[in-house]
Structures are given as structure tokens and as C-alpha cells.
Amino acid sequence: MSTLRNVALTVQELEAGEFHWVLLEAVDCAVDDVLPYAVLEAAAEPLRSYSDALVAGVAAMRRLFGRDGPRTGQPAAAPASAAHPPR
């Protein structure tokens, strides 16, 4: 049976009034109660509000992982044209 992967969604305001969703996944190198994350995917274009970016991030998660969420052993989804790979 597969287990859920530790994936998080955050919103960043990179410039005033420009909000970007970012999907992160925990990596296996925790040190002293710090759990580091690596970027999985992020918005290529800014959105007008925090809530718009949050909703778009949830839509990206649904597109990538489906209704059951990110599971171990799940094939990686192809990157979408609306997002860019991590830098």
C-alpha cells in the first residue's frame, strides 16, 4: 500500500501585488528539528491575490496528484505549461 508523500503548498508575494503558488516536498535530510523542502513546481506567472494563487496551487496539486493526493510509487506528472520547473 502506498503512503502519502509530504507535499506542501505555499504562496509567495515576490513583488508587491504579485502572488505565486509553490509546491514543495520534504526531503530526507532533517537536521535538528528542521524539515527541509525542495521545490516541486511553481507558478510561472503571478496572480493578482493571495487567494487566487492559493486556489491555483490547489488546482496544480489536483492536476499532478489526482483526488487521492501525492502517494509514494505514483508516476511523476508531466510539467504543465502554466508552471515552470524549480530553479
C-alpha atoms as a PDB file:
ATOM      1  CA  MET A   1       0.000   0.000   0.000  1.00  0.00           C
ATOM      2  CA  SER A   2       1.326   3.428  -0.901  1.00  0.00           C
ATOM      3  CA  THR A   3       1.628   6.202   1.643  1.00  0.00           C
ATOM      4  CA  LEU A   4       1.165   9.927   1.288  1.00  0.00           C
ATOM      5  CA  ARG A   5       4.215  11.962   0.385  1.00  0.00           C
ATOM      6  CA  ASN A   6       4.914  15.092   2.441  1.00  0.00           C
ATOM      7  CA  VAL A   7       3.913  17.813  -0.042  1.00  0.00           C
ATOM      8  CA  ALA A   8       3.135  21.408   0.936  1.00  0.00           C
ATOM      9  CA  LEU A   9       1.608  24.371  -0.863  1.00  0.00           C
ATOM     10  CA  THR A  10       2.691  27.913  -0.098  1.00  0.00           C
ATOM     11  CA  VAL A  11       2.093  31.326  -1.647  1.00  0.00           C
ATOM     12  CA  GLN A  12       4.850  33.899  -2.050  1.00  0.00           C
ATOM     13  CA  GLU A  13       4.499  37.588  -2.858  1.00  0.00           C
ATOM     14  CA  LEU A  14       7.675  38.100  -4.895  1.00  0.00           C
ATOM     15  CA  GLU A  15       6.797  41.685  -5.862  1.00  0.00           C
ATOM     16  CA  ALA A  16       4.084  43.885  -4.368  1.00  0.00           C
ATOM     17  CA  GLY A  17       0.742  42.544  -5.603  1.00  0.00           C
ATOM     18  CA  GLU A  18       2.277  39.582  -7.488  1.00  0.00           C
ATOM     19  CA  PHE A  19       1.464  36.241  -5.866  1.00  0.00           C
ATOM     20  CA  HIS A  20       2.969  32.874  -6.881  1.00  0.00           C
ATOM     21  CA  TRP A  21       1.976  29.407  -5.659  1.00  0.00           C
ATOM     22  CA  VAL A  22       4.801  26.967  -4.914  1.00  0.00           C
ATOM     23  CA  LEU A  23       4.555  23.200  -4.342  1.00  0.00           C
ATOM     24  CA  LEU A  24       7.230  21.809  -2.024  1.00  0.00           C
ATOM     25  CA  GLU A  25       8.157  18.267  -0.993  1.00  0.00           C
ATOM     26  CA  ALA A  26      10.008  17.276   2.160  1.00  0.00           C
ATOM     27  CA  VAL A  27      13.468  15.811   1.582  1.00  0.00           C
ATOM     28  CA  ASP A  28      15.119  13.112   3.689  1.00  0.00           C
ATOM     29  CA  CYS A  29      17.780  15.159   5.433  1.00  0.00           C
ATOM     30  CA  ALA A  30      16.136  16.566   8.551  1.00  0.00           C
ATOM     31  CA  VAL A  31      18.592  18.157  10.956  1.00  0.00           C
ATOM     32  CA  ASP A  32      17.833  19.345  14.500  1.00  0.00           C
ATOM     33  CA  ASP A  33      14.041  19.504  14.156  1.00  0.00           C
ATOM     34  CA  VAL A  34      14.280  21.258  10.775  1.00  0.00           C
ATOM     35  CA  LEU A  35      12.463  19.589   7.892  1.00  0.00           C
ATOM     36  CA  PRO A  36      13.848  20.895   4.590  1.00  0.00           C
ATOM     37  CA  TYR A  37      11.702  21.042   1.465  1.00  0.00           C
ATOM     38  CA  ALA A  38      12.575  21.054  -2.234  1.00  0.00           C
ATOM     39  CA  VAL A  39      10.518  22.887  -4.854  1.00  0.00           C
ATOM     40  CA  LEU A  40       8.398  20.532  -6.996  1.00  0.00           C
ATOM     41  CA  GLU A  41       6.662  23.090  -9.184  1.00  0.00           C
ATOM     42  CA  ALA A  42       5.805  26.786  -9.084  1.00  0.00           C
ATOM     43  CA  ALA A  43       3.619  29.276 -10.913  1.00  0.00           C
ATOM     44  CA  ALA A  44       5.240  30.786 -13.988  1.00  0.00           C
ATOM     45  CA  GLU A  45       3.083  33.904 -13.939  1.00  0.00           C
ATOM     46  CA  PRO A  46       1.933  35.957 -10.950  1.00  0.00           C
ATOM     47  CA  LEU A  47      -1.671  36.083  -9.802  1.00  0.00           C
ATOM     48  CA  ARG A  48      -3.493  39.161  -8.515  1.00  0.00           C
ATOM     49  CA  SER A  49      -4.221  37.974  -4.991  1.00  0.00           C
ATOM     50  CA  TYR A  50      -3.103  35.540  -2.336  1.00  0.00           C
ATOM     51  CA  SER A  51      -6.392  33.652  -2.568  1.00  0.00           C
ATOM     52  CA  ASP A  52      -6.167  33.366  -6.381  1.00  0.00           C
ATOM     53  CA  ALA A  53      -2.664  31.945  -6.040  1.00  0.00           C
ATOM     54  CA  LEU A  54      -3.772  29.527  -3.320  1.00  0.00           C
ATOM     55  CA  VAL A  55      -6.669  28.228  -5.428  1.00  0.00           C
ATOM     56  CA  ALA A  56      -4.380  27.868  -8.470  1.00  0.00           C
ATOM     57  CA  GLY A  57      -1.892  25.944  -6.313  1.00  0.00           C
ATOM     58  CA  VAL A  58      -4.590  23.534  -5.153  1.00  0.00           C
ATOM     59  CA  ALA A  59      -5.624  23.056  -8.801  1.00  0.00           C
ATOM     60  CA  ALA A  60      -1.993  22.258  -9.664  1.00  0.00           C
ATOM     61  CA  MET A  61      -1.877  19.675  -6.866  1.00  0.00           C
ATOM     62  CA  ARG A  62      -5.090  18.058  -8.141  1.00  0.00           C
ATOM     63  CA  ARG A  63      -3.699  18.008 -11.688  1.00  0.00           C
ATOM     64  CA  LEU A  64      -0.414  16.472 -10.560  1.00  0.00           C
ATOM     65  CA  PHE A  65      -1.664  14.020  -7.950  1.00  0.00           C
ATOM     66  CA  GLY A  66      -5.374  13.446  -8.530  1.00  0.00           C
ATOM     67  CA  ARG A  67      -8.062  13.116  -5.911  1.00  0.00           C
ATOM     68  CA  ASP A  68      -6.089  10.706  -3.706  1.00  0.00           C
ATOM     69  CA  GLY A  69      -3.163  13.075  -3.215  1.00  0.00           C
ATOM     70  CA  PRO A  70       0.566  12.546  -3.642  1.00  0.00           C
ATOM     71  CA  ARG A  71       1.351   8.902  -2.993  1.00  0.00           C
ATOM     72  CA  THR A  72       4.651   7.014  -2.976  1.00  0.00           C
ATOM     73  CA  GLY A  73       5.152   4.947  -6.098  1.00  0.00           C
ATOM     74  CA  GLN A  74       2.965   7.321  -8.095  1.00  0.00           C
ATOM     75  CA  PRO A  75       4.365   8.220 -11.521  1.00  0.00           C
ATOM     76  CA  ALA A  76       5.514  11.813 -11.878  1.00  0.00           C
ATOM     77  CA  ALA A  77       3.190  14.037 -13.848  1.00  0.00           C
ATOM     78  CA  ALA A  78       4.425  15.970 -16.857  1.00  0.00           C
ATOM     79  CA  PRO A  79       5.065  19.655 -16.132  1.00  0.00           C
ATOM     80  CA  ALA A  80       2.228  21.941 -17.122  1.00  0.00           C
ATOM     81  CA  SER A  81       2.611  24.873 -19.472  1.00  0.00           C
ATOM     82  CA  ALA A  82       1.269  27.199 -16.741  1.00  0.00           C
ATOM     83  CA  ALA A  83       4.136  26.375 -14.410  1.00  0.00           C
ATOM     84  CA  HIS A  84       7.875  26.348 -14.540  1.00  0.00           C
ATOM     85  CA  PRO A  85      10.356  23.839 -13.140  1.00  0.00           C
ATOM     86  CA  PRO A  86      12.173  24.656  -9.903  1.00  0.00           C
ATOM     87  CA  ARG A  87      15.159  26.955 -10.134  1.00  0.00           C
END
